[in-house]
């Protein structure tokens, strides 16, 4: 079975395992990090900023 790689909207790396939201890809590693990141964590605003790109591309 052929695996296709996609560019993760969070880390901008090419990955083959992850999820698609509104035709935008989030790799498995970034998904796991976001799920366990507390809202008080310093990385949280970065994840929010990157996720906003999903809606911007959807409405473009």
PDB file of N, CA and C in Angstrom:
ATOM      1  N   UNK A   1       0.833  -1.181   0.000  1.00  0.00           N
ATOM      2  CA  UNK A   1       0.000   0.000   0.000  1.00  0.00           C
ATOM      3  C   UNK A   1       0.878   1.245   0.000  1.00  0.00           C
ATOM      4  N   UNK A   2       0.593   2.178  -0.865  1.00  0.00           N
ATOM      5  CA  UNK A   2       1.383   3.389  -1.009  1.00  0.00           C
ATOM      6  C   UNK A   2       0.945   4.434   0.011  1.00  0.00           C
ATOM      7  N   UNK A   3       1.923   5.016   0.713  1.00  0.00           N
ATOM      8  CA  UNK A   3       1.632   6.081   1.668  1.00  0.00           C
ATOM      9  C   UNK A   3       1.923   7.425   1.007  1.00  0.00           C
ATOM     10  N   UNK A   4       1.012   8.354   1.185  1.00  0.00           N
ATOM     11  CA  UNK A   4       1.202   9.697   0.655  1.00  0.00           C
ATOM     12  C   UNK A   4       1.617  10.621   1.792  1.00  0.00           C
ATOM     13  N   UNK A   5       2.537  11.506   1.521  1.00  0.00           N
ATOM     14  CA  UNK A   5       2.922  12.460   2.551  1.00  0.00           C
ATOM     15  C   UNK A   5       2.195  13.778   2.300  1.00  0.00           C
ATOM     16  N   UNK A   6       1.938  14.459   3.381  1.00  0.00           N
ATOM     17  CA  UNK A   6       1.254  15.742   3.347  1.00  0.00           C
ATOM     18  C   UNK A   6       2.038  16.714   4.212  1.00  0.00           C
ATOM     19  N   UNK A   7       1.906  17.989   3.923  1.00  0.00           N
ATOM     20  CA  UNK A   7       2.575  19.005   4.720  1.00  0.00           C
ATOM     21  C   UNK A   7       1.681  19.369   5.901  1.00  0.00           C
ATOM     22  N   UNK A   8       2.202  19.193   7.107  1.00  0.00           N
ATOM     23  CA  UNK A   8       1.461  19.507   8.332  1.00  0.00           C
ATOM     24  C   UNK A   8       1.300  21.018   8.463  1.00  0.00           C
ATOM     25  N   UNK A   9       0.086  21.458   8.743  1.00  0.00           N
ATOM     26  CA  UNK A   9      -0.188  22.888   8.880  1.00  0.00           C
ATOM     27  C   UNK A   9       0.402  23.457  10.174  1.00  0.00           C
ATOM     28  N   UNK A  10       0.774  22.603  11.112  1.00  0.00           N
ATOM     29  CA  UNK A  10       1.349  23.057  12.375  1.00  0.00           C
ATOM     30  C   UNK A  10       2.869  23.156  12.291  1.00  0.00           C
ATOM     31  N   UNK A  11       3.539  22.057  11.925  1.00  0.00           N
ATOM     32  CA  UNK A  11       5.007  22.031  11.923  1.00  0.00           C
ATOM     33  C   UNK A  11       5.630  22.235  10.540  1.00  0.00           C
ATOM     34  N   UNK A  12       4.813  22.246   9.502  1.00  0.00           N
ATOM     35  CA  UNK A  12       5.270  22.424   8.115  1.00  0.00           C
ATOM     36  C   UNK A  12       6.217  21.321   7.638  1.00  0.00           C
ATOM     37  N   UNK A  13       6.135  20.144   8.255  1.00  0.00           N
ATOM     38  CA  UNK A  13       6.939  18.992   7.849  1.00  0.00           C
ATOM     39  C   UNK A  13       6.088  18.048   7.008  1.00  0.00           C
ATOM     40  N   UNK A  14       6.727  17.323   6.112  1.00  0.00           N
ATOM     41  CA  UNK A  14       6.042  16.304   5.320  1.00  0.00           C
ATOM     42  C   UNK A  14       5.883  15.040   6.160  1.00  0.00           C
ATOM     43  N   UNK A  15       4.648  14.601   6.346  1.00  0.00           N
ATOM     44  CA  UNK A  15       4.338  13.413   7.143  1.00  0.00           C
ATOM     45  C   UNK A  15       3.289  12.591   6.419  1.00  0.00           C
ATOM     46  N   UNK A  16       3.204  11.322   6.783  1.00  0.00           N
ATOM     47  CA  UNK A  16       2.221  10.453   6.133  1.00  0.00           C
ATOM     48  C   UNK A  16       1.085  10.038   7.060  1.00  0.00           C
ATOM     49  N   UNK A  17       1.261  10.205   8.379  1.00  0.00           N
ATOM     50  CA  UNK A  17       0.223   9.809   9.327  1.00  0.00           C
ATOM     51  C   UNK A  17      -0.299  11.044  10.047  1.00  0.00           C
ATOM     52  N   UNK A  18      -1.620  11.198  10.040  1.00  0.00           N
ATOM     53  CA  UNK A  18      -2.227  12.329  10.712  1.00  0.00           C
ATOM     54  C   UNK A  18      -3.697  12.432  10.386  1.00  0.00           C
ATOM     55  N   UNK A  19      -4.265  13.611  10.616  1.00  0.00           N
ATOM     56  CA  UNK A  19      -5.680  13.844  10.364  1.00  0.00           C
ATOM     57  C   UNK A  19      -5.857  15.011   9.399  1.00  0.00           C
ATOM     58  N   UNK A  20      -7.005  15.032   8.738  1.00  0.00           N
ATOM     59  CA  UNK A  20      -7.341  16.137   7.831  1.00  0.00           C
ATOM     60  C   UNK A  20      -8.551  16.870   8.396  1.00  0.00           C
ATOM     61  N   UNK A  21      -8.447  18.184   8.451  1.00  0.00           N
ATOM     62  CA  UNK A  21      -9.550  19.042   8.887  1.00  0.00           C
ATOM     63  C   UNK A  21      -9.731  20.099   7.808  1.00  0.00           C
ATOM     64  N   UNK A  22     -10.900  20.113   7.205  1.00  0.00           N
ATOM     65  CA  UNK A  22     -11.192  21.064   6.124  1.00  0.00           C
ATOM     66  C   UNK A  22     -10.100  21.034   5.057  1.00  0.00           C
ATOM     67  N   UNK A  23      -9.699  19.842   4.670  1.00  0.00           N
ATOM     68  CA  UNK A  23      -8.672  19.616   3.654  1.00  0.00           C
ATOM     69  C   UNK A  23      -7.285  20.113   4.057  1.00  0.00           C
ATOM     70  N   UNK A  24      -7.062  20.354   5.343  1.00  0.00           N
ATOM     71  CA  UNK A  24      -5.743  20.726   5.846  1.00  0.00           C
ATOM     72  C   UNK A  24      -5.256  19.594   6.739  1.00  0.00           C
ATOM     73  N   UNK A  25      -3.970  19.286   6.663  1.00  0.00           N
ATOM     74  CA  UNK A  25      -3.388  18.124   7.337  1.00  0.00           C
ATOM     75  C   UNK A  25      -2.684  18.516   8.628  1.00  0.00           C
ATOM     76  N   UNK A  26      -2.904  17.732   9.685  1.00  0.00           N
ATOM     77  CA  UNK A  26      -2.174  17.861  10.948  1.00  0.00           C
ATOM     78  C   UNK A  26      -1.551  16.503  11.232  1.00  0.00           C
ATOM     79  N   UNK A  27      -0.226  16.477  11.357  1.00  0.00           N
ATOM     80  CA  UNK A  27       0.450  15.197  11.578  1.00  0.00           C
ATOM     81  C   UNK A  27       0.119  14.645  12.961  1.00  0.00           C
ATOM     82  N   UNK A  28       0.322  13.354  13.105  1.00  0.00           N
ATOM     83  CA  UNK A  28       0.018  12.653  14.344  1.00  0.00           C
ATOM     84  C   UNK A  28       0.785  13.243  15.529  1.00  0.00           C
ATOM     85  N   UNK A  29       2.035  13.582  15.332  1.00  0.00           N
ATOM     86  CA  UNK A  29       2.851  14.146  16.414  1.00  0.00           C
ATOM     87  C   UNK A  29       2.325  15.475  16.901  1.00  0.00           C
ATOM     88  N   UNK A  30       1.965  16.354  15.974  1.00  0.00           N
ATOM     89  CA  UNK A  30       1.427  17.665  16.363  1.00  0.00           C
ATOM     90  C   UNK A  30       0.060  17.518  17.022  1.00  0.00           C
ATOM     91  N   UNK A  31      -0.750  16.617  16.511  1.00  0.00           N
ATOM     92  CA  UNK A  31      -2.060  16.383  17.117  1.00  0.00           C
ATOM     93  C   UNK A  31      -1.896  15.953  18.573  1.00  0.00           C
ATOM     94  N   UNK A  32      -0.996  15.021  18.825  1.00  0.00           N
ATOM     95  CA  UNK A  32      -0.770  14.536  20.188  1.00  0.00           C
ATOM     96  C   UNK A  32      -0.255  15.649  21.100  1.00  0.00           C
ATOM     97  N   UNK A  33       0.661  16.469  20.592  1.00  0.00           N
ATOM     98  CA  UNK A  33       1.185  17.581  21.387  1.00  0.00           C
ATOM     99  C   UNK A  33       0.098  18.600  21.713  1.00  0.00           C
ATOM    100  N   UNK A  34      -0.742  18.914  20.736  1.00  0.00           N
ATOM    101  CA  UNK A  34      -1.804  19.894  20.972  1.00  0.00           C
ATOM    102  C   UNK A  34      -2.808  19.382  21.995  1.00  0.00           C
ATOM    103  N   UNK A  35      -3.155  18.113  21.919  1.00  0.00           N
ATOM    104  CA  UNK A  35      -4.145  17.541  22.830  1.00  0.00           C
ATOM    105  C   UNK A  35      -3.667  17.599  24.278  1.00  0.00           C
ATOM    106  N   UNK A  36      -2.373  17.385  24.495  1.00  0.00           N
ATOM    107  CA  UNK A  36      -1.879  17.374  25.872  1.00  0.00           C
ATOM    108  C   UNK A  36      -1.338  18.724  26.354  1.00  0.00           C
ATOM    109  N   UNK A  37      -1.370  19.744  25.506  1.00  0.00           N
ATOM    110  CA  UNK A  37      -0.876  21.060  25.889  1.00  0.00           C
ATOM    111  C   UNK A  37      -1.935  21.825  26.667  1.00  0.00           C
ATOM    112  N   UNK A  38      -1.565  22.292  27.835  1.00  0.00           N
ATOM    113  CA  UNK A  38      -2.449  23.079  28.684  1.00  0.00           C
ATOM    114  C   UNK A  38      -2.575  24.499  28.118  1.00  0.00           C
ATOM    115  N   UNK A  39      -3.713  25.122  28.354  1.00  0.00           N
ATOM    116  CA  UNK A  39      -3.951  26.484  27.847  1.00  0.00           C
ATOM    117  C   UNK A  39      -2.982  27.499  28.442  1.00  0.00           C
ATOM    118  N   UNK A  40      -2.370  27.181  29.560  1.00  0.00           N
ATOM    119  CA  UNK A  40      -1.392  28.079  30.193  1.00  0.00           C
ATOM    120  C   UNK A  40       0.028  27.865  29.671  1.00  0.00           C
ATOM    121  N   UNK A  41       0.230  26.834  28.865  1.00  0.00           N
ATOM    122  CA  UNK A  41       1.546  26.519  28.313  1.00  0.00           C
ATOM    123  C   UNK A  41       1.955  27.592  27.311  1.00  0.00           C
ATOM    124  N   UNK A  42       3.238  27.877  27.239  1.00  0.00           N
ATOM    125  CA  UNK A  42       3.722  28.916  26.315  1.00  0.00           C
ATOM    126  C   UNK A  42       3.554  28.532  24.850  1.00  0.00           C
ATOM    127  N   UNK A  43       3.404  27.245  24.536  1.00  0.00           N
ATOM    128  CA  UNK A  43       3.206  26.794  23.146  1.00  0.00           C
ATOM    129  C   UNK A  43       1.765  26.963  22.671  1.00  0.00           C
ATOM    130  N   UNK A  44       0.834  27.105  23.607  1.00  0.00           N
ATOM    131  CA  UNK A  44      -0.590  27.160  23.278  1.00  0.00           C
ATOM    132  C   UNK A  44      -0.921  28.256  22.249  1.00  0.00           C
ATOM    133  N   UNK A  45      -0.460  29.498  22.416  1.00  0.00           N
ATOM    134  CA  UNK A  45      -0.762  30.535  21.413  1.00  0.00           C
ATOM    135  C   UNK A  45      -0.237  30.186  20.015  1.00  0.00           C
ATOM    136  N   UNK A  46       0.899  29.500  19.945  1.00  0.00           N
ATOM    137  CA  UNK A  46       1.445  29.082  18.650  1.00  0.00           C
ATOM    138  C   UNK A  46       0.489  28.110  17.959  1.00  0.00           C
ATOM    139  N   UNK A  47      -0.029  27.135  18.708  1.00  0.00           N
ATOM    140  CA  UNK A  47      -0.956  26.172  18.126  1.00  0.00           C
ATOM    141  C   UNK A  47      -2.232  26.865  17.650  1.00  0.00           C
ATOM    142  N   UNK A  48      -2.732  27.806  18.422  1.00  0.00           N
ATOM    143  CA  UNK A  48      -3.929  28.556  18.020  1.00  0.00           C
ATOM    144  C   UNK A  48      -3.662  29.323  16.725  1.00  0.00           C
ATOM    145  N   UNK A  49      -2.514  29.986  16.653  1.00  0.00           N
ATOM    146  CA  UNK A  49      -2.145  30.745  15.445  1.00  0.00           C
ATOM    147  C   UNK A  49      -2.086  29.827  14.224  1.00  0.00           C
ATOM    148  N   UNK A  50      -1.466  28.670  14.382  1.00  0.00           N
ATOM    149  CA  UNK A  50      -1.353  27.743  13.260  1.00  0.00           C
ATOM    150  C   UNK A  50      -2.718  27.183  12.862  1.00  0.00           C
ATOM    151  N   UNK A  51      -3.571  26.880  13.833  1.00  0.00           N
ATOM    152  CA  UNK A  51      -4.898  26.354  13.529  1.00  0.00           C
ATOM    153  C   UNK A  51      -5.763  27.380  12.804  1.00  0.00           C
ATOM    154  N   UNK A  52      -5.560  28.648  13.074  1.00  0.00           N
ATOM    155  CA  UNK A  52      -6.318  29.697  12.377  1.00  0.00           C
ATOM    156  C   UNK A  52      -6.069  29.653  10.875  1.00  0.00           C
ATOM    157  N   UNK A  53      -4.927  29.127  10.482  1.00  0.00           N
ATOM    158  CA  UNK A  53      -4.604  29.009   9.060  1.00  0.00           C
ATOM    159  C   UNK A  53      -5.588  28.095   8.339  1.00  0.00           C
ATOM    160  N   UNK A  54      -6.178  27.138   9.060  1.00  0.00           N
ATOM    161  CA  UNK A  54      -7.174  26.251   8.451  1.00  0.00           C
ATOM    162  C   UNK A  54      -8.335  27.076   7.949  1.00  0.00           C
ATOM    163  N   UNK A  55      -8.840  27.975   8.794  1.00  0.00           N
ATOM    164  CA  UNK A  55     -10.016  28.784   8.426  1.00  0.00           C
ATOM    165  C   UNK A  55      -9.645  29.808   7.357  1.00  0.00           C
ATOM    166  N   UNK A  56      -8.434  30.352   7.419  1.00  0.00           N
ATOM    167  CA  UNK A  56      -8.023  31.327   6.420  1.00  0.00           C
ATOM    168  C   UNK A  56      -7.944  30.689   5.037  1.00  0.00           C
ATOM    169  N   UNK A  57      -7.388  29.492   4.953  1.00  0.00           N
ATOM    170  CA  UNK A  57      -7.284  28.801   3.663  1.00  0.00           C
ATOM    171  C   UNK A  57      -8.641  28.351   3.175  1.00  0.00           C
ATOM    172  N   UNK A  58      -9.518  27.981   4.095  1.00  0.00           N
ATOM    173  CA  UNK A  58     -10.856  27.537   3.730  1.00  0.00           C
ATOM    174  C   UNK A  58     -11.650  28.696   3.103  1.00  0.00           C
ATOM    175  N   UNK A  59     -11.494  29.896   3.634  1.00  0.00           N
ATOM    176  CA  UNK A  59     -12.248  31.045   3.169  1.00  0.00           C
ATOM    177  C   UNK A  59     -11.569  31.828   2.060  1.00  0.00           C
ATOM    178  N   UNK A  60     -10.371  31.409   1.671  1.00  0.00           N
ATOM    179  CA  UNK A  60      -9.624  32.134   0.631  1.00  0.00           C
ATOM    180  C   UNK A  60     -10.246  31.966  -0.738  1.00  0.00           C
TER     181      UNK A  60
END
